[in-house]
């Protein structure tokens, strides 16, 4: 059997039992966590922005690798829109008085990157929401995308897991632990 035919047979065999939708999505849509990791690596390697000293020297430009990684986040629906945050308005009343409790195994202190919001409105809403839970909120610019929102730091697995669950319920797309 030819190598290409063997690969096709293996691929078809591994997809047996999948629905048509699952097959169509397999490999077509990278997950947001992978895309955020790629974006983080590009930012670490190239920085968030470069001063454009050409011409009048007043412009900013985003390094190509960072821009491409950011566009992949946008194209795959990984940014948290104001519409996504609508759930947080409803959740505020349910969580009133709730405090995230550190519990479980200790971890080296780490922040939770809850997502990139598309503008100042989303940033203010995120700050108010997480602040009402007694969490420290930090933000960082993501040129061309919006503002990155971080909460924490957390010192236990339980605290991090509870904050992650609340962020997902509030409409944030793909929260993940991050050091910054």
N, C-alpha and C. Protein backbone atom coordinates (compact mmCIF):
# COMPACT_ATOMS: atom_id res chain seq x y z
N UNK A 1 0.85 -1.18 0.00
CA UNK A 1 0.00 0.00 0.00
C UNK A 1 0.90 1.24 0.00
N UNK A 2 0.56 2.23 -0.77
CA UNK A 2 1.32 3.46 -0.85
C UNK A 2 1.19 4.25 0.45
N UNK A 3 2.23 5.03 0.79
CA UNK A 3 2.16 5.80 2.03
C UNK A 3 0.97 6.75 2.08
N UNK A 4 0.65 7.41 0.98
CA UNK A 4 -0.49 8.35 0.97
C UNK A 4 -1.80 7.60 1.22
N UNK A 5 -1.93 6.43 0.64
CA UNK A 5 -3.15 5.64 0.84
C UNK A 5 -3.24 5.16 2.29
N UNK A 6 -2.09 4.80 2.88
CA UNK A 6 -2.09 4.37 4.28
C UNK A 6 -2.52 5.53 5.19
N UNK A 7 -2.01 6.71 4.93
CA UNK A 7 -2.38 7.86 5.74
C UNK A 7 -3.87 8.15 5.63
N UNK A 8 -4.41 8.06 4.41
CA UNK A 8 -5.84 8.29 4.21
C UNK A 8 -6.66 7.25 4.97
N UNK A 9 -6.23 5.99 4.89
CA UNK A 9 -6.95 4.93 5.59
C UNK A 9 -6.91 5.15 7.10
N UNK A 10 -5.75 5.55 7.63
CA UNK A 10 -5.64 5.83 9.06
C UNK A 10 -6.53 7.01 9.46
N UNK A 11 -6.53 8.06 8.66
CA UNK A 11 -7.34 9.23 8.96
C UNK A 11 -8.82 8.89 8.95
N UNK A 12 -9.25 8.14 7.94
CA UNK A 12 -10.66 7.75 7.86
C UNK A 12 -11.03 6.84 9.01
N UNK A 13 -10.12 5.95 9.38
CA UNK A 13 -10.38 5.06 10.50
C UNK A 13 -10.51 5.81 11.81
N UNK A 14 -9.68 6.83 12.00
CA UNK A 14 -9.74 7.60 13.24
C UNK A 14 -10.99 8.47 13.30
N UNK A 15 -11.59 8.78 12.16
CA UNK A 15 -12.78 9.61 12.13
C UNK A 15 -14.07 8.79 12.18
N UNK A 16 -13.94 7.47 12.18
CA UNK A 16 -15.13 6.61 12.24
C UNK A 16 -15.89 6.92 13.52
N UNK A 17 -17.17 7.06 13.43
CA UNK A 17 -18.01 7.35 14.59
C UNK A 17 -18.19 8.84 14.84
N UNK A 18 -17.48 9.67 14.11
CA UNK A 18 -17.63 11.12 14.26
C UNK A 18 -18.82 11.59 13.43
N UNK A 19 -19.43 12.66 13.88
CA UNK A 19 -20.50 13.24 13.09
C UNK A 19 -19.89 14.05 11.95
N UNK A 20 -20.71 14.39 10.98
CA UNK A 20 -20.23 15.18 9.84
C UNK A 20 -19.68 16.53 10.31
N UNK A 21 -20.33 17.12 11.31
CA UNK A 21 -19.87 18.41 11.84
C UNK A 21 -18.49 18.27 12.49
N UNK A 22 -18.29 17.19 13.26
CA UNK A 22 -17.00 16.98 13.90
C UNK A 22 -15.91 16.76 12.86
N UNK A 23 -16.23 16.04 11.80
CA UNK A 23 -15.25 15.78 10.74
C UNK A 23 -14.90 17.09 10.05
N UNK A 24 -15.90 17.92 9.80
CA UNK A 24 -15.64 19.19 9.12
C UNK A 24 -14.78 20.11 9.97
N UNK A 25 -14.97 20.05 11.31
CA UNK A 25 -14.22 20.92 12.20
C UNK A 25 -12.83 20.38 12.51
N UNK A 26 -12.62 19.07 12.35
CA UNK A 26 -11.34 18.46 12.70
C UNK A 26 -10.23 19.10 11.88
N UNK A 27 -9.30 19.71 12.55
CA UNK A 27 -8.18 20.32 11.87
C UNK A 27 -8.49 21.65 11.21
N UNK A 28 -9.76 21.98 11.04
CA UNK A 28 -10.12 23.23 10.36
C UNK A 28 -10.10 24.41 11.32
N UNK A 29 -10.46 24.17 12.57
CA UNK A 29 -10.54 25.24 13.56
C UNK A 29 -9.56 24.98 14.68
N UNK A 30 -8.45 25.72 14.73
CA UNK A 30 -7.57 25.55 15.87
C UNK A 30 -8.28 26.07 17.12
N UNK A 31 -7.97 25.49 18.26
CA UNK A 31 -8.65 25.95 19.46
C UNK A 31 -8.02 27.25 19.95
N UNK A 32 -8.80 28.01 20.70
CA UNK A 32 -8.38 29.34 21.13
C UNK A 32 -7.17 29.28 22.07
N UNK A 33 -7.07 28.24 22.90
CA UNK A 33 -5.92 28.15 23.80
C UNK A 33 -4.62 28.03 23.01
N UNK A 34 -4.63 27.24 21.96
CA UNK A 34 -3.44 27.11 21.11
C UNK A 34 -3.14 28.44 20.44
N UNK A 35 -4.15 29.12 19.95
CA UNK A 35 -3.95 30.40 19.28
C UNK A 35 -3.44 31.46 20.26
N UNK A 36 -3.93 31.45 21.50
CA UNK A 36 -3.43 32.39 22.50
C UNK A 36 -1.97 32.08 22.85
N UNK A 37 -1.62 30.81 22.94
CA UNK A 37 -0.22 30.46 23.21
C UNK A 37 0.68 30.94 22.07
N UNK A 38 0.22 30.77 20.83
CA UNK A 38 0.98 31.27 19.69
C UNK A 38 1.13 32.79 19.74
N UNK A 39 0.06 33.47 20.10
CA UNK A 39 0.10 34.93 20.23
C UNK A 39 1.09 35.34 21.33
N UNK A 40 1.02 34.66 22.48
CA UNK A 40 1.94 34.96 23.58
C UNK A 40 3.39 34.76 23.17
N UNK A 41 3.67 33.69 22.44
CA UNK A 41 5.04 33.43 21.98
C UNK A 41 5.50 34.52 21.02
N UNK A 42 4.63 34.97 20.14
CA UNK A 42 4.99 36.04 19.20
C UNK A 42 5.27 37.34 19.95
N UNK A 43 4.44 37.66 20.95
CA UNK A 43 4.64 38.88 21.74
C UNK A 43 5.96 38.79 22.50
N UNK A 44 6.25 37.62 23.09
CA UNK A 44 7.51 37.46 23.82
C UNK A 44 8.71 37.62 22.89
N UNK A 45 8.60 37.06 21.71
CA UNK A 45 9.73 37.09 20.78
C UNK A 45 9.93 38.45 20.13
N UNK A 46 8.83 39.14 19.80
CA UNK A 46 8.94 40.36 19.00
C UNK A 46 8.43 41.62 19.69
N UNK A 47 7.85 41.49 20.86
CA UNK A 47 7.29 42.66 21.54
C UNK A 47 5.90 42.97 21.04
N UNK A 48 5.24 43.88 21.74
CA UNK A 48 3.87 44.23 21.40
C UNK A 48 3.78 45.27 20.30
N UNK A 49 4.78 46.14 20.23
CA UNK A 49 4.75 47.16 19.21
C UNK A 49 6.16 47.70 18.99
N UNK A 50 6.37 48.28 17.85
CA UNK A 50 7.63 48.91 17.49
C UNK A 50 7.34 50.35 17.12
N UNK A 51 8.19 51.21 17.55
CA UNK A 51 8.06 52.61 17.15
C UNK A 51 8.42 52.72 15.68
N UNK A 52 7.56 53.33 14.93
CA UNK A 52 7.82 53.53 13.50
C UNK A 52 8.55 54.86 13.34
N UNK A 53 9.86 54.78 13.20
CA UNK A 53 10.66 56.00 13.12
C UNK A 53 10.73 56.55 11.70
N UNK A 54 10.16 55.87 10.74
CA UNK A 54 10.15 56.38 9.37
C UNK A 54 9.14 57.50 9.24
N UNK A 55 9.35 58.34 8.30
CA UNK A 55 8.39 59.43 8.05
C UNK A 55 8.37 60.41 9.20
N UNK A 56 7.17 60.66 9.76
CA UNK A 56 7.06 61.65 10.83
C UNK A 56 7.39 61.09 12.21
N UNK A 57 7.57 59.76 12.32
CA UNK A 57 7.95 59.15 13.59
C UNK A 57 6.85 59.10 14.61
N UNK A 58 5.62 59.39 14.21
CA UNK A 58 4.52 59.41 15.17
C UNK A 58 3.69 58.13 15.17
N UNK A 59 3.94 57.24 14.24
CA UNK A 59 3.11 56.05 14.14
C UNK A 59 3.66 54.87 14.91
N UNK A 60 2.80 53.89 15.13
CA UNK A 60 3.18 52.63 15.75
C UNK A 60 2.88 51.53 14.76
N UNK A 61 3.68 50.52 14.78
CA UNK A 61 3.36 49.37 13.94
C UNK A 61 3.55 48.11 14.78
N UNK A 62 2.73 47.13 14.51
CA UNK A 62 2.78 45.86 15.23
C UNK A 62 3.67 44.92 14.43
N UNK A 63 4.61 44.23 15.09
CA UNK A 63 5.45 43.28 14.35
C UNK A 63 4.59 42.27 13.58
N UNK A 64 5.05 41.88 12.43
CA UNK A 64 4.28 41.01 11.54
C UNK A 64 3.83 39.73 12.22
N UNK A 65 4.72 39.05 12.95
CA UNK A 65 4.36 37.79 13.60
C UNK A 65 3.26 38.00 14.64
N UNK A 66 3.32 39.09 15.37
CA UNK A 66 2.29 39.39 16.37
C UNK A 66 0.97 39.71 15.68
N UNK A 67 1.04 40.50 14.62
CA UNK A 67 -0.17 40.85 13.87
C UNK A 67 -0.85 39.60 13.30
N UNK A 68 -0.07 38.70 12.73
CA UNK A 68 -0.66 37.47 12.16
C UNK A 68 -1.29 36.61 13.24
N UNK A 69 -0.60 36.47 14.37
CA UNK A 69 -1.16 35.67 15.47
C UNK A 69 -2.44 36.32 15.99
N UNK A 70 -2.45 37.65 16.06
CA UNK A 70 -3.65 38.37 16.49
C UNK A 70 -4.81 38.20 15.52
N UNK A 71 -4.52 38.24 14.23
CA UNK A 71 -5.57 38.05 13.24
C UNK A 71 -6.17 36.65 13.32
N UNK A 72 -5.34 35.66 13.62
CA UNK A 72 -5.86 34.29 13.79
C UNK A 72 -6.81 34.23 14.98
N UNK A 73 -6.47 34.95 16.06
CA UNK A 73 -7.37 35.00 17.22
C UNK A 73 -8.72 35.60 16.80
N UNK A 74 -8.66 36.70 16.06
CA UNK A 74 -9.89 37.37 15.64
C UNK A 74 -10.70 36.48 14.70
N UNK A 75 -10.04 35.88 13.70
CA UNK A 75 -10.75 35.06 12.70
C UNK A 75 -11.41 33.83 13.32
N UNK A 76 -10.85 33.31 14.41
CA UNK A 76 -11.39 32.10 15.02
C UNK A 76 -12.30 32.38 16.21
N UNK A 77 -12.70 33.63 16.37
CA UNK A 77 -13.67 33.98 17.42
C UNK A 77 -13.13 33.88 18.83
N UNK A 78 -11.84 34.14 19.02
CA UNK A 78 -11.22 33.99 20.34
C UNK A 78 -11.23 35.27 21.17
N UNK A 79 -11.68 36.39 20.59
CA UNK A 79 -11.77 37.62 21.36
C UNK A 79 -13.12 37.66 22.07
N UNK A 80 -13.14 38.29 23.22
CA UNK A 80 -14.37 38.41 23.99
C UNK A 80 -15.05 39.72 23.61
N UNK A 81 -16.18 39.61 22.96
CA UNK A 81 -16.90 40.81 22.50
C UNK A 81 -17.78 41.35 23.62
N UNK A 82 -18.29 42.57 23.42
CA UNK A 82 -19.22 43.13 24.38
C UNK A 82 -20.48 42.27 24.48
N UNK A 83 -20.89 41.67 23.37
CA UNK A 83 -22.06 40.78 23.39
C UNK A 83 -21.78 39.54 24.26
N UNK A 84 -20.55 39.01 24.18
CA UNK A 84 -20.20 37.86 25.03
C UNK A 84 -20.31 38.22 26.50
N UNK A 85 -19.95 39.47 26.83
CA UNK A 85 -19.95 39.90 28.22
C UNK A 85 -21.34 40.18 28.78
N UNK A 86 -22.35 40.07 27.95
CA UNK A 86 -23.72 40.26 28.42
C UNK A 86 -24.06 39.33 29.56
N UNK A 87 -23.48 38.13 29.56
CA UNK A 87 -23.74 37.16 30.62
C UNK A 87 -23.25 37.67 31.97
N UNK A 88 -22.19 38.50 31.97
CA UNK A 88 -21.66 38.99 33.24
C UNK A 88 -22.64 39.91 33.95
N UNK A 89 -23.46 40.65 33.18
CA UNK A 89 -24.46 41.52 33.80
C UNK A 89 -25.45 40.69 34.61
N UNK A 90 -25.86 39.57 34.05
CA UNK A 90 -26.81 38.70 34.72
C UNK A 90 -26.17 37.97 35.90
N UNK A 91 -24.89 37.69 35.78
CA UNK A 91 -24.18 36.91 36.79
C UNK A 91 -23.84 37.73 38.03
N UNK A 92 -23.74 39.04 37.90
CA UNK A 92 -23.35 39.89 39.02
C UNK A 92 -24.28 39.69 40.21
N UNK A 93 -25.59 39.67 39.96
CA UNK A 93 -26.54 39.49 41.06
C UNK A 93 -26.40 38.10 41.69
N UNK A 94 -26.20 37.07 40.86
CA UNK A 94 -26.05 35.71 41.39
C UNK A 94 -24.80 35.57 42.26
N UNK A 95 -23.76 36.31 41.93
CA UNK A 95 -22.48 36.16 42.64
C UNK A 95 -22.25 37.24 43.70
N UNK A 96 -23.24 38.09 43.92
CA UNK A 96 -23.07 39.17 44.89
C UNK A 96 -22.66 38.58 46.24
N UNK A 97 -21.57 39.11 46.79
CA UNK A 97 -21.07 38.63 48.08
C UNK A 97 -20.14 37.43 47.98
N UNK A 98 -20.01 36.86 46.79
CA UNK A 98 -19.14 35.70 46.60
C UNK A 98 -17.69 36.15 46.58
N UNK A 99 -16.84 35.40 47.22
CA UNK A 99 -15.40 35.63 47.16
C UNK A 99 -14.75 34.33 46.72
N UNK A 100 -13.78 34.43 45.84
CA UNK A 100 -13.06 33.24 45.39
C UNK A 100 -12.09 32.85 46.50
N UNK A 101 -12.19 31.60 46.91
CA UNK A 101 -11.41 31.10 48.03
C UNK A 101 -10.26 30.26 47.51
N UNK A 102 -9.07 30.54 48.01
CA UNK A 102 -7.91 29.72 47.66
C UNK A 102 -8.07 28.38 48.38
N UNK A 103 -7.98 27.30 47.63
CA UNK A 103 -8.12 25.96 48.19
C UNK A 103 -7.38 24.96 47.31
N UNK A 104 -7.14 23.78 47.86
CA UNK A 104 -6.48 22.75 47.08
C UNK A 104 -4.97 22.87 47.13
N UNK A 105 -4.34 22.20 46.20
CA UNK A 105 -2.88 22.14 46.15
C UNK A 105 -2.30 23.52 45.84
N UNK A 106 -1.20 23.87 46.53
CA UNK A 106 -0.57 25.16 46.23
C UNK A 106 0.13 25.14 44.87
N UNK A 107 0.14 26.28 44.22
CA UNK A 107 0.86 26.46 42.95
C UNK A 107 1.69 27.73 43.08
N UNK A 108 2.70 27.83 42.25
CA UNK A 108 3.45 29.08 42.21
C UNK A 108 2.48 30.16 41.78
N UNK A 109 2.45 31.31 42.46
CA UNK A 109 1.45 32.34 42.11
C UNK A 109 1.41 32.61 40.60
N UNK A 110 0.17 32.62 40.09
CA UNK A 110 -0.04 32.77 38.66
C UNK A 110 -1.33 33.56 38.42
N UNK A 111 -1.36 34.30 37.33
CA UNK A 111 -2.54 35.06 36.95
C UNK A 111 -3.43 34.22 36.04
N UNK A 112 -4.67 34.63 35.93
CA UNK A 112 -5.60 34.04 34.97
C UNK A 112 -5.83 35.07 33.87
N UNK A 113 -5.44 34.72 32.65
CA UNK A 113 -5.73 35.57 31.49
C UNK A 113 -7.16 35.22 31.10
N UNK A 114 -8.09 36.14 31.37
CA UNK A 114 -9.49 35.81 31.10
C UNK A 114 -9.86 36.06 29.65
N UNK A 115 -9.11 36.92 28.96
CA UNK A 115 -9.39 37.13 27.55
C UNK A 115 -8.96 38.49 27.07
N UNK A 116 -9.19 38.72 25.80
CA UNK A 116 -8.97 40.02 25.19
C UNK A 116 -10.34 40.61 24.89
N UNK A 117 -10.61 41.75 25.50
CA UNK A 117 -11.86 42.46 25.22
C UNK A 117 -11.58 43.48 24.13
N UNK A 118 -12.61 43.82 23.38
CA UNK A 118 -12.41 44.61 22.17
C UNK A 118 -12.34 46.11 22.38
N UNK A 119 -12.49 46.60 23.57
CA UNK A 119 -12.42 48.04 23.75
C UNK A 119 -12.51 48.45 25.20
N UNK A 120 -12.55 49.75 25.42
CA UNK A 120 -12.56 50.29 26.77
C UNK A 120 -13.84 49.91 27.52
N UNK A 121 -14.95 49.80 26.82
CA UNK A 121 -16.20 49.41 27.46
C UNK A 121 -16.07 48.02 28.07
N UNK A 122 -15.51 47.08 27.31
CA UNK A 122 -15.30 45.73 27.81
C UNK A 122 -14.31 45.70 28.96
N UNK A 123 -13.28 46.55 28.88
CA UNK A 123 -12.30 46.59 29.96
C UNK A 123 -12.94 47.08 31.26
N UNK A 124 -13.71 48.16 31.17
CA UNK A 124 -14.36 48.69 32.37
C UNK A 124 -15.32 47.66 32.94
N UNK A 125 -16.08 47.00 32.09
CA UNK A 125 -17.03 45.99 32.55
C UNK A 125 -16.30 44.83 33.23
N UNK A 126 -15.19 44.38 32.63
CA UNK A 126 -14.42 43.28 33.23
C UNK A 126 -13.84 43.69 34.58
N UNK A 127 -13.31 44.91 34.66
CA UNK A 127 -12.75 45.40 35.92
C UNK A 127 -13.82 45.46 37.01
N UNK A 128 -15.00 45.95 36.66
CA UNK A 128 -16.09 46.03 37.64
C UNK A 128 -16.54 44.64 38.07
N UNK A 129 -16.69 43.74 37.09
CA UNK A 129 -17.17 42.40 37.40
C UNK A 129 -16.21 41.67 38.34
N UNK A 130 -14.93 41.58 37.95
CA UNK A 130 -13.98 40.84 38.78
C UNK A 130 -13.64 41.57 40.06
N UNK A 131 -13.66 42.90 40.02
CA UNK A 131 -13.46 43.67 41.24
C UNK A 131 -14.55 43.41 42.26
N UNK A 132 -15.79 43.21 41.80
CA UNK A 132 -16.89 42.93 42.72
C UNK A 132 -16.72 41.57 43.41
N UNK A 133 -15.86 40.73 42.86
CA UNK A 133 -15.56 39.42 43.47
C UNK A 133 -14.33 39.50 44.37
N UNK A 134 -13.81 40.71 44.53
CA UNK A 134 -12.64 40.89 45.38
C UNK A 134 -11.33 40.51 44.70
N UNK A 135 -11.32 40.43 43.38
CA UNK A 135 -10.11 40.05 42.67
C UNK A 135 -9.37 41.29 42.15
N UNK A 136 -8.09 41.17 42.13
CA UNK A 136 -7.25 42.21 41.55
C UNK A 136 -7.30 42.03 40.03
N UNK A 137 -7.51 43.11 39.30
CA UNK A 137 -7.63 43.06 37.84
C UNK A 137 -6.54 43.93 37.23
N UNK A 138 -5.86 43.37 36.23
CA UNK A 138 -4.86 44.11 35.49
C UNK A 138 -5.20 44.01 34.01
N UNK A 139 -4.77 45.00 33.26
CA UNK A 139 -4.99 44.94 31.82
C UNK A 139 -3.72 45.37 31.10
N UNK A 140 -3.65 44.96 29.86
CA UNK A 140 -2.49 45.27 29.03
C UNK A 140 -3.01 45.45 27.61
N UNK A 141 -2.45 46.39 26.90
CA UNK A 141 -2.86 46.63 25.52
C UNK A 141 -2.47 45.48 24.61
N UNK A 142 -3.32 45.21 23.65
CA UNK A 142 -3.06 44.23 22.59
C UNK A 142 -3.34 44.98 21.29
N UNK A 143 -2.30 45.65 20.74
CA UNK A 143 -2.52 46.51 19.57
C UNK A 143 -3.28 45.83 18.44
N UNK A 144 -4.32 46.52 17.98
CA UNK A 144 -5.13 46.01 16.89
C UNK A 144 -6.23 45.05 17.35
N UNK A 145 -6.19 44.65 18.64
CA UNK A 145 -7.18 43.69 19.14
C UNK A 145 -8.04 44.26 20.26
N UNK A 146 -7.42 44.95 21.20
CA UNK A 146 -8.15 45.48 22.34
C UNK A 146 -7.29 45.47 23.58
N UNK A 147 -7.87 45.03 24.69
CA UNK A 147 -7.18 44.99 25.98
C UNK A 147 -7.19 43.58 26.54
N UNK A 148 -6.03 43.12 26.97
CA UNK A 148 -5.93 41.81 27.62
C UNK A 148 -6.27 41.99 29.10
N UNK A 149 -7.11 41.12 29.63
CA UNK A 149 -7.55 41.22 31.02
C UNK A 149 -6.97 40.04 31.81
N UNK A 150 -6.32 40.37 32.94
CA UNK A 150 -5.75 39.37 33.84
C UNK A 150 -6.34 39.57 35.23
N UNK A 151 -6.62 38.48 35.92
CA UNK A 151 -7.05 38.55 37.32
C UNK A 151 -6.13 37.68 38.16
N UNK A 152 -6.02 38.03 39.43
CA UNK A 152 -5.18 37.24 40.32
C UNK A 152 -4.13 38.12 40.97
N UNK A 153 -3.09 37.51 41.44
CA UNK A 153 -2.63 36.14 41.22
C UNK A 153 -3.31 35.14 42.16
N UNK A 154 -3.23 33.88 41.76
CA UNK A 154 -3.77 32.78 42.53
C UNK A 154 -2.63 31.91 43.03
N UNK A 155 -2.78 31.37 44.23
CA UNK A 155 -1.73 30.56 44.83
C UNK A 155 -2.12 29.10 45.01
N UNK A 156 -3.35 28.75 44.59
CA UNK A 156 -3.80 27.35 44.71
C UNK A 156 -4.55 26.93 43.44
N UNK A 157 -4.58 25.61 43.23
CA UNK A 157 -5.31 25.07 42.08
C UNK A 157 -6.80 25.37 42.19
N UNK A 158 -7.35 25.29 43.41
CA UNK A 158 -8.78 25.52 43.61
C UNK A 158 -9.20 26.94 43.30
N UNK A 159 -8.40 27.91 43.74
CA UNK A 159 -8.70 29.31 43.46
C UNK A 159 -8.66 29.60 41.98
N UNK A 160 -7.65 29.06 41.30
CA UNK A 160 -7.52 29.24 39.86
C UNK A 160 -8.68 28.58 39.11
N UNK A 161 -9.06 27.38 39.52
CA UNK A 161 -10.16 26.66 38.87
C UNK A 161 -11.49 27.39 39.07
N UNK A 162 -11.71 27.90 40.28
CA UNK A 162 -12.96 28.62 40.56
C UNK A 162 -13.04 29.91 39.73
N UNK A 163 -11.94 30.64 39.65
CA UNK A 163 -11.92 31.87 38.85
C UNK A 163 -12.13 31.57 37.37
N UNK A 164 -11.54 30.47 36.89
CA UNK A 164 -11.71 30.08 35.49
C UNK A 164 -13.18 29.76 35.20
N UNK A 165 -13.81 29.01 36.08
CA UNK A 165 -15.22 28.65 35.89
C UNK A 165 -16.11 29.90 35.88
N UNK A 166 -15.84 30.83 36.76
CA UNK A 166 -16.63 32.07 36.80
C UNK A 166 -16.41 32.89 35.53
N UNK A 167 -15.16 32.96 35.07
CA UNK A 167 -14.87 33.72 33.84
C UNK A 167 -15.62 33.13 32.65
N UNK A 168 -15.66 31.82 32.56
CA UNK A 168 -16.39 31.17 31.46
C UNK A 168 -17.88 31.47 31.57
N UNK A 169 -18.43 31.35 32.78
CA UNK A 169 -19.85 31.66 32.97
C UNK A 169 -20.17 33.11 32.61
N UNK A 170 -19.21 34.01 32.83
CA UNK A 170 -19.41 35.43 32.55
C UNK A 170 -19.28 35.77 31.08
N UNK A 171 -18.88 34.79 30.25
CA UNK A 171 -18.83 35.02 28.81
C UNK A 171 -17.44 35.21 28.24
N UNK A 172 -16.39 35.08 29.07
CA UNK A 172 -15.04 35.25 28.55
C UNK A 172 -14.64 34.02 27.75
N UNK A 173 -13.97 34.26 26.63
CA UNK A 173 -13.58 33.19 25.71
C UNK A 173 -12.19 32.68 26.10
N UNK A 174 -12.08 31.40 26.39
CA UNK A 174 -10.82 30.69 26.59
C UNK A 174 -9.89 31.27 27.65
N UNK A 175 -10.36 31.40 28.91
CA UNK A 175 -9.43 31.84 29.96
C UNK A 175 -8.36 30.77 30.19
N UNK A 176 -7.14 31.20 30.54
CA UNK A 176 -6.05 30.26 30.80
C UNK A 176 -5.04 30.90 31.75
N UNK A 177 -4.32 30.06 32.53
CA UNK A 177 -3.30 30.59 33.43
C UNK A 177 -2.13 31.16 32.65
N UNK A 178 -1.61 32.29 33.10
CA UNK A 178 -0.50 32.93 32.39
C UNK A 178 0.37 33.70 33.36
N UNK A 179 1.63 33.75 33.07
CA UNK A 179 2.56 34.57 33.83
C UNK A 179 2.88 35.79 32.97
N UNK A 180 2.84 36.94 33.57
CA UNK A 180 3.22 38.15 32.82
C UNK A 180 3.84 39.15 33.75
